Amino acid sequence: MHLVYPAVLSALLFCVGLYGVLARRNAILVLMAVELMLAAVGLNLVAFDVWLRDVTHAGQVLTLFLIALAAAEIGIGLAIVLLVHRRRGTVAVDRLTELREKKPVT
C-alpha cells in the first residue's frame, strides 16, 4: 500500500478542519471542524500503522482512544453550547466575548 494516498487525504481533511475552526462563527460548526481534524489524525495513525507493519498495532489502538476522546469531546462540547445558547441566546463565537454575566446595576 502506498503511504502517499492516505497521507494526502489526511492532510486535506486536516486543512479543511483547520479552515473550519478559523473561519466559522457558529460554535457547532467549529466542533464539527474539530471532529474532522481528529478524523484526519486517526486516518494518519492507521495508515502509518499499516505502512510500518507494526506487530502490536499501536496506531490502531491509539485510534480507538482517539475515537473515545472525540466522543467525549463532542458530548461535553454540545452540552456547553446548549448551556451558552440558553443563557445568551446565541452560539456565535465572535459575539461571546465575556465569560461571566454582568451584574445588574442597582
C-alpha atoms as a PDB file:
ATOM      1  CA  MET A   1       0.000   0.000   0.000  1.00  0.00           C
ATOM      2  CA  HIS A   2       1.299   3.421  -0.885  1.00  0.00           C
ATOM      3  CA  LEU A   3       1.524   5.807   2.026  1.00  0.00           C
ATOM      4  CA  VAL A   4       1.009   8.853  -0.162  1.00  0.00           C
ATOM      5  CA  TYR A   5      -2.735   8.413  -0.763  1.00  0.00           C
ATOM      6  CA  PRO A   6      -3.918   8.257   2.863  1.00  0.00           C
ATOM      7  CA  ALA A   7      -1.350  10.885   3.905  1.00  0.00           C
ATOM      8  CA  VAL A   8      -2.608  13.348   1.280  1.00  0.00           C
ATOM      9  CA  LEU A   9      -6.232  12.614   2.173  1.00  0.00           C
ATOM     10  CA  SER A  10      -5.408  13.089   5.844  1.00  0.00           C
ATOM     11  CA  ALA A  11      -3.661  16.388   5.132  1.00  0.00           C
ATOM     12  CA  LEU A  12      -6.642  17.615   3.108  1.00  0.00           C
ATOM     13  CA  LEU A  13      -9.080  16.631   5.853  1.00  0.00           C
ATOM     14  CA  PHE A  14      -6.938  18.353   8.449  1.00  0.00           C
ATOM     15  CA  CYS A  15      -6.704  21.522   6.337  1.00  0.00           C
ATOM     16  CA  VAL A  16     -10.472  21.613   5.829  1.00  0.00           C
ATOM     17  CA  GLY A  17     -10.948  21.180   9.580  1.00  0.00           C
ATOM     18  CA  LEU A  18      -8.415  23.897  10.354  1.00  0.00           C
ATOM     19  CA  TYR A  19     -10.154  26.259   7.938  1.00  0.00           C
ATOM     20  CA  GLY A  20     -13.455  25.438   9.636  1.00  0.00           C
ATOM     21  CA  VAL A  21     -12.065  26.236  13.070  1.00  0.00           C
ATOM     22  CA  LEU A  22     -10.534  29.523  11.941  1.00  0.00           C
ATOM     23  CA  ALA A  23     -13.302  30.784   9.649  1.00  0.00           C
ATOM     24  CA  ARG A  24     -16.566  29.677  11.231  1.00  0.00           C
ATOM     25  CA  ARG A  25     -18.537  31.768  13.662  1.00  0.00           C
ATOM     26  CA  ASN A  26     -21.005  29.113  14.803  1.00  0.00           C
ATOM     27  CA  ALA A  27     -19.829  27.003  17.750  1.00  0.00           C
ATOM     28  CA  ILE A  28     -21.449  23.817  16.437  1.00  0.00           C
ATOM     29  CA  LEU A  29     -19.654  24.156  13.110  1.00  0.00           C
ATOM     30  CA  VAL A  30     -16.395  24.713  14.980  1.00  0.00           C
ATOM     31  CA  LEU A  31     -16.994  21.454  16.870  1.00  0.00           C
ATOM     32  CA  MET A  32     -17.645  19.681  13.563  1.00  0.00           C
ATOM     33  CA  ALA A  33     -14.389  21.069  12.196  1.00  0.00           C
ATOM     34  CA  VAL A  34     -12.515  19.772  15.244  1.00  0.00           C
ATOM     35  CA  GLU A  35     -14.045  16.346  14.603  1.00  0.00           C
ATOM     36  CA  LEU A  36     -12.733  16.494  11.018  1.00  0.00           C
ATOM     37  CA  MET A  37      -9.268  17.241  12.345  1.00  0.00           C
ATOM     38  CA  LEU A  38      -9.454  14.305  14.768  1.00  0.00           C
ATOM     39  CA  ALA A  39     -10.602  12.031  11.939  1.00  0.00           C
ATOM     40  CA  ALA A  40      -7.589  13.127   9.883  1.00  0.00           C
ATOM     41  CA  VAL A  41      -5.265  12.264  12.755  1.00  0.00           C
ATOM     42  CA  GLY A  42      -6.933   8.846  13.125  1.00  0.00           C
ATOM     43  CA  LEU A  43      -6.546   8.140   9.425  1.00  0.00           C
ATOM     44  CA  ASN A  44      -2.888   9.100   9.616  1.00  0.00           C
ATOM     45  CA  LEU A  45      -2.298   6.824  12.620  1.00  0.00           C
ATOM     46  CA  VAL A  46      -3.867   3.817  10.903  1.00  0.00           C
ATOM     47  CA  ALA A  47      -2.054   4.482   7.620  1.00  0.00           C
ATOM     48  CA  PHE A  48       1.338   4.626   9.299  1.00  0.00           C
ATOM     49  CA  ASP A  49       0.499   1.551  11.373  1.00  0.00           C
ATOM     50  CA  VAL A  50      -0.220  -0.431   8.206  1.00  0.00           C
ATOM     51  CA  TRP A  51       2.794   1.002   6.394  1.00  0.00           C
ATOM     52  CA  LEU A  52       5.217   0.185   9.207  1.00  0.00           C
ATOM     53  CA  ARG A  53       3.679  -3.303   9.708  1.00  0.00           C
ATOM     54  CA  ASP A  54       3.669  -2.831  13.468  1.00  0.00           C
ATOM     55  CA  VAL A  55       3.168  -6.130  15.311  1.00  0.00           C
ATOM     56  CA  THR A  56       1.456  -4.513  18.302  1.00  0.00           C
ATOM     57  CA  HIS A  57      -0.807  -2.343  16.093  1.00  0.00           C
ATOM     58  CA  ALA A  58      -0.155   0.703  18.252  1.00  0.00           C
ATOM     59  CA  GLY A  59      -1.602   3.069  15.638  1.00  0.00           C
ATOM     60  CA  GLN A  60      -4.919   1.263  15.636  1.00  0.00           C
ATOM     61  CA  VAL A  61      -5.035   1.192  19.426  1.00  0.00           C
ATOM     62  CA  LEU A  62      -4.300   4.915  19.573  1.00  0.00           C
ATOM     63  CA  THR A  63      -7.041   5.475  17.009  1.00  0.00           C
ATOM     64  CA  LEU A  64      -9.522   3.698  19.274  1.00  0.00           C
ATOM     65  CA  PHE A  65      -8.514   6.012  22.121  1.00  0.00           C
ATOM     66  CA  LEU A  66      -8.859   8.949  19.739  1.00  0.00           C
ATOM     67  CA  ILE A  67     -12.404   7.894  18.845  1.00  0.00           C
ATOM     68  CA  ALA A  68     -13.297   7.692  22.551  1.00  0.00           C
ATOM     69  CA  LEU A  69     -11.733  11.118  23.102  1.00  0.00           C
ATOM     70  CA  ALA A  70     -13.691  12.561  20.176  1.00  0.00           C
ATOM     71  CA  ALA A  71     -16.961  11.155  21.535  1.00  0.00           C
ATOM     72  CA  ALA A  72     -16.298  12.670  24.959  1.00  0.00           C
ATOM     73  CA  GLU A  73     -15.272  15.987  23.405  1.00  0.00           C
ATOM     74  CA  ILE A  74     -18.403  16.274  21.314  1.00  0.00           C
ATOM     75  CA  GLY A  75     -20.639  15.335  24.241  1.00  0.00           C
ATOM     76  CA  ILE A  76     -19.141  17.943  26.563  1.00  0.00           C
ATOM     77  CA  GLY A  77     -18.864  20.498  23.772  1.00  0.00           C
ATOM     78  CA  LEU A  78     -22.520  20.186  22.799  1.00  0.00           C
ATOM     79  CA  ALA A  79     -23.558  20.449  26.451  1.00  0.00           C
ATOM     80  CA  ILE A  80     -21.581  23.684  26.787  1.00  0.00           C
ATOM     81  CA  VAL A  81     -23.012  25.042  23.532  1.00  0.00           C
ATOM     82  CA  LEU A  82     -26.576  24.286  24.663  1.00  0.00           C
ATOM     83  CA  LEU A  83     -25.969  25.958  28.018  1.00  0.00           C
ATOM     84  CA  VAL A  84     -24.497  29.058  26.370  1.00  0.00           C
ATOM     85  CA  HIS A  85     -27.423  29.195  23.942  1.00  0.00           C
ATOM     86  CA  ARG A  86     -29.920  29.049  26.796  1.00  0.00           C
ATOM     87  CA  ARG A  87     -28.121  31.772  28.759  1.00  0.00           C
ATOM     88  CA  ARG A  88     -27.095  34.141  25.954  1.00  0.00           C
ATOM     89  CA  GLY A  89     -29.426  33.287  23.079  1.00  0.00           C
ATOM     90  CA  THR A  90     -26.654  32.825  20.513  1.00  0.00           C
ATOM     91  CA  VAL A  91     -23.907  30.367  19.658  1.00  0.00           C
ATOM     92  CA  ALA A  92     -21.914  32.791  17.520  1.00  0.00           C
ATOM     93  CA  VAL A  93     -18.346  32.537  18.788  1.00  0.00           C
ATOM     94  CA  ASP A  94     -17.397  36.134  17.991  1.00  0.00           C
ATOM     95  CA  ARG A  95     -20.376  37.505  19.963  1.00  0.00           C
ATOM     96  CA  LEU A  96     -19.412  35.615  23.129  1.00  0.00           C
ATOM     97  CA  THR A  97     -16.611  37.829  24.369  1.00  0.00           C
ATOM     98  CA  GLU A  98     -17.257  37.727  28.101  1.00  0.00           C
ATOM     99  CA  LEU A  99     -17.268  34.564  30.154  1.00  0.00           C
ATOM    100  CA  ARG A 100     -19.252  35.917  33.066  1.00  0.00           C
ATOM    101  CA  GLU A 101     -22.525  37.762  33.036  1.00  0.00           C
ATOM    102  CA  LYS A 102     -22.576  41.336  34.181  1.00  0.00           C
ATOM    103  CA  LYS A 103     -24.374  42.056  37.427  1.00  0.00           C
ATOM    104  CA  PRO A 104     -27.316  44.390  37.097  1.00  0.00           C
ATOM    105  CA  VAL A 105     -26.690  47.871  38.423  1.00  0.00           C
ATOM    106  CA  THR A 106     -28.969  48.643  41.356  1.00  0.00           C
END
